[in-house]
Amino acid sequence: MVVAVVVVWRMLVPPVWTVKRLDAPDGSVEAVLERTPYVGKHHFRVRLREDGGWWRTVYVSPPVPGDFRIDHHEQLQWSGDGRELVFEMEGTVLWRYEREPES
């Protein structure tokens, strides 16, 4: 029974490849850039975890042409003050996340 559950789980959950994992300069937020097939096409996904809490997906890219053997020069980086996270692909900013200022 356990083997059947594991096999079904592996068929339903697509593989995920971690491209880059980094912390904000102050260490309060972790970010990860992943490659994953999603709804039959290849995508990039950005996930965040704040203060050791739960991971949450904050961005899923439009379908990426080709496959993951092609280098798209993807970059995920924090600004120097740690308030902004930027995802770039082939030199173009695709997504930007700004953290709320702490009060």
C-alpha atoms as a PDB file:
ATOM      1  CA  MET A   1       0.000   0.000   0.000  1.00  0.00           C
ATOM      2  CA  VAL A   2       2.764   2.436   0.925  1.00  0.00           C
ATOM      3  CA  VAL A   3       4.572   1.698  -2.332  1.00  0.00           C
ATOM      4  CA  ALA A   4       1.416   2.470  -4.318  1.00  0.00           C
ATOM      5  CA  VAL A   5       0.994   5.804  -2.513  1.00  0.00           C
ATOM      6  CA  VAL A   6       4.629   6.739  -3.193  1.00  0.00           C
ATOM      7  CA  VAL A   7       4.315   5.825  -6.888  1.00  0.00           C
ATOM      8  CA  VAL A   8       1.112   7.861  -7.302  1.00  0.00           C
ATOM      9  CA  TRP A   9       2.677  10.800  -5.411  1.00  0.00           C
ATOM     10  CA  ARG A  10       5.738  10.769  -7.703  1.00  0.00           C
ATOM     11  CA  MET A  11       3.486  10.755 -10.779  1.00  0.00           C
ATOM     12  CA  LEU A  12       1.373  13.702  -9.587  1.00  0.00           C
ATOM     13  CA  VAL A  13       4.095  15.955  -8.134  1.00  0.00           C
ATOM     14  CA  PRO A  14       6.472  17.307 -10.794  1.00  0.00           C
ATOM     15  CA  PRO A  15      10.229  17.389 -10.163  1.00  0.00           C
ATOM     16  CA  VAL A  16      11.777  20.642  -8.969  1.00  0.00           C
ATOM     17  CA  TRP A  17      15.357  21.810  -9.560  1.00  0.00           C
ATOM     18  CA  THR A  18      16.786  24.479  -7.267  1.00  0.00           C
ATOM     19  CA  VAL A  19      18.653  27.076  -9.350  1.00  0.00           C
ATOM     20  CA  LYS A  20      19.612  29.466  -6.563  1.00  0.00           C
ATOM     21  CA  ARG A  21      18.956  29.853  -2.850  1.00  0.00           C
ATOM     22  CA  LEU A  22      19.865  33.021  -0.967  1.00  0.00           C
ATOM     23  CA  ASP A  23      19.118  34.968   2.195  1.00  0.00           C
ATOM     24  CA  ALA A  24      18.244  38.632   2.494  1.00  0.00           C
ATOM     25  CA  PRO A  25      21.175  40.698   3.807  1.00  0.00           C
ATOM     26  CA  ASP A  26      19.572  40.862   7.277  1.00  0.00           C
ATOM     27  CA  GLY A  27      18.886  37.089   7.243  1.00  0.00           C
ATOM     28  CA  SER A  28      15.169  37.414   7.951  1.00  0.00           C
ATOM     29  CA  VAL A  29      13.949  36.125   4.557  1.00  0.00           C
ATOM     30  CA  GLU A  30      15.105  33.144   2.501  1.00  0.00           C
ATOM     31  CA  ALA A  31      14.460  33.096  -1.248  1.00  0.00           C
ATOM     32  CA  VAL A  32      14.765  30.220  -3.679  1.00  0.00           C
ATOM     33  CA  LEU A  33      14.596  30.174  -7.487  1.00  0.00           C
ATOM     34  CA  GLU A  34      13.425  26.853  -8.906  1.00  0.00           C
ATOM     35  CA  ARG A  35      12.844  25.312 -12.315  1.00  0.00           C
ATOM     36  CA  THR A  36       9.765  23.140 -12.570  1.00  0.00           C
ATOM     37  CA  PRO A  37       7.369  21.740 -15.133  1.00  0.00           C
ATOM     38  CA  TYR A  38       3.945  23.198 -14.342  1.00  0.00           C
ATOM     39  CA  VAL A  39       0.801  22.306 -16.273  1.00  0.00           C
ATOM     40  CA  GLY A  40       2.897  20.538 -18.914  1.00  0.00           C
ATOM     41  CA  LYS A  41       5.303  23.433 -19.623  1.00  0.00           C
ATOM     42  CA  HIS A  42       8.593  24.558 -18.094  1.00  0.00           C
ATOM     43  CA  HIS A  43       8.519  27.497 -15.677  1.00  0.00           C
ATOM     44  CA  PHE A  44      10.640  29.297 -13.111  1.00  0.00           C
ATOM     45  CA  ARG A  45       9.224  29.697  -9.629  1.00  0.00           C
ATOM     46  CA  VAL A  46      10.283  31.989  -6.766  1.00  0.00           C
ATOM     47  CA  ARG A  47       9.485  30.968  -3.201  1.00  0.00           C
ATOM     48  CA  LEU A  48      10.036  32.896   0.047  1.00  0.00           C
ATOM     49  CA  ARG A  49      10.210  31.962   3.705  1.00  0.00           C
ATOM     50  CA  GLU A  50      10.150  34.731   6.292  1.00  0.00           C
ATOM     51  CA  ASP A  51      11.572  34.275   9.791  1.00  0.00           C
ATOM     52  CA  GLY A  52      11.670  30.466   9.524  1.00  0.00           C
ATOM     53  CA  GLY A  53       7.947  30.185   8.717  1.00  0.00           C
ATOM     54  CA  TRP A  54       6.264  28.332   5.867  1.00  0.00           C
ATOM     55  CA  TRP A  55       7.517  28.519   2.274  1.00  0.00           C
ATOM     56  CA  ARG A  56       5.172  30.402  -0.048  1.00  0.00           C
ATOM     57  CA  THR A  57       5.256  30.715  -3.817  1.00  0.00           C
ATOM     58  CA  VAL A  58       5.306  34.382  -4.783  1.00  0.00           C
ATOM     59  CA  TYR A  59       5.973  34.122  -8.528  1.00  0.00           C
ATOM     60  CA  VAL A  60       5.562  31.601 -11.353  1.00  0.00           C
ATOM     61  CA  SER A  61       6.972  32.698 -14.701  1.00  0.00           C
ATOM     62  CA  PRO A  62       5.201  32.390 -18.023  1.00  0.00           C
ATOM     63  CA  PRO A  63       6.211  29.252 -19.938  1.00  0.00           C
ATOM     64  CA  VAL A  64       9.899  29.254 -20.854  1.00  0.00           C
ATOM     65  CA  PRO A  65      10.650  28.396 -24.489  1.00  0.00           C
ATOM     66  CA  GLY A  66      12.738  25.320 -25.118  1.00  0.00           C
ATOM     67  CA  ASP A  67      13.749  23.110 -22.235  1.00  0.00           C
ATOM     68  CA  PHE A  68      15.986  23.331 -19.208  1.00  0.00           C
ATOM     69  CA  ARG A  69      19.115  22.314 -21.100  1.00  0.00           C
ATOM     70  CA  ILE A  70      19.155  25.875 -22.453  1.00  0.00           C
ATOM     71  CA  ASP A  71      20.856  28.465 -20.225  1.00  0.00           C
ATOM     72  CA  HIS A  72      18.502  31.426 -19.846  1.00  0.00           C
ATOM     73  CA  HIS A  73      20.985  33.342 -17.639  1.00  0.00           C
ATOM     74  CA  GLU A  74      18.434  33.490 -14.845  1.00  0.00           C
ATOM     75  CA  GLN A  75      19.354  35.564 -11.784  1.00  0.00           C
ATOM     76  CA  LEU A  76      17.730  36.098  -8.413  1.00  0.00           C
ATOM     77  CA  GLN A  77      19.259  38.801  -6.224  1.00  0.00           C
ATOM     78  CA  TRP A  78      18.529  41.029  -3.244  1.00  0.00           C
ATOM     79  CA  SER A  79      19.198  44.744  -3.275  1.00  0.00           C
ATOM     80  CA  GLY A  80      21.947  45.966  -0.951  1.00  0.00           C
ATOM     81  CA  ASP A  81      19.477  47.020   1.752  1.00  0.00           C
ATOM     82  CA  GLY A  82      17.459  43.782   1.470  1.00  0.00           C
ATOM     83  CA  ARG A  83      14.155  45.501   0.722  1.00  0.00           C
ATOM     84  CA  GLU A  84      13.862  44.349  -2.898  1.00  0.00           C
ATOM     85  CA  LEU A  85      14.215  40.946  -4.579  1.00  0.00           C
ATOM     86  CA  VAL A  86      14.616  40.871  -8.370  1.00  0.00           C
ATOM     87  CA  PHE A  87      14.303  37.973 -10.845  1.00  0.00           C
ATOM     88  CA  GLU A  88      16.023  38.497 -14.196  1.00  0.00           C
ATOM     89  CA  MET A  89      16.239  36.277 -17.236  1.00  0.00           C
ATOM     90  CA  GLU A  90      18.533  37.023 -20.182  1.00  0.00           C
ATOM     91  CA  GLY A  91      19.164  40.532 -18.800  1.00  0.00           C
ATOM     92  CA  THR A  92      15.475  41.482 -18.529  1.00  0.00           C
ATOM     93  CA  VAL A  93      13.757  42.036 -15.172  1.00  0.00           C
ATOM     94  CA  LEU A  94      10.701  39.766 -15.139  1.00  0.00           C
ATOM     95  CA  TRP A  95       9.589  40.214 -11.556  1.00  0.00           C
ATOM     96  CA  ARG A  96      10.307  42.464  -8.592  1.00  0.00           C
ATOM     97  CA  TYR A  97       9.293  42.004  -4.953  1.00  0.00           C
ATOM     98  CA  GLU A  98       9.456  44.790  -2.391  1.00  0.00           C
ATOM     99  CA  ARG A  99       9.326  43.965   1.299  1.00  0.00           C
ATOM    100  CA  GLU A 100       7.142  46.009   3.615  1.00  0.00           C
ATOM    101  CA  PRO A 101       9.183  48.373   5.780  1.00  0.00           C
ATOM    102  CA  GLU A 102       9.320  47.184   9.369  1.00  0.00           C
ATOM    103  CA  SER A 103       7.521  49.408  11.834  1.00  0.00           C
END
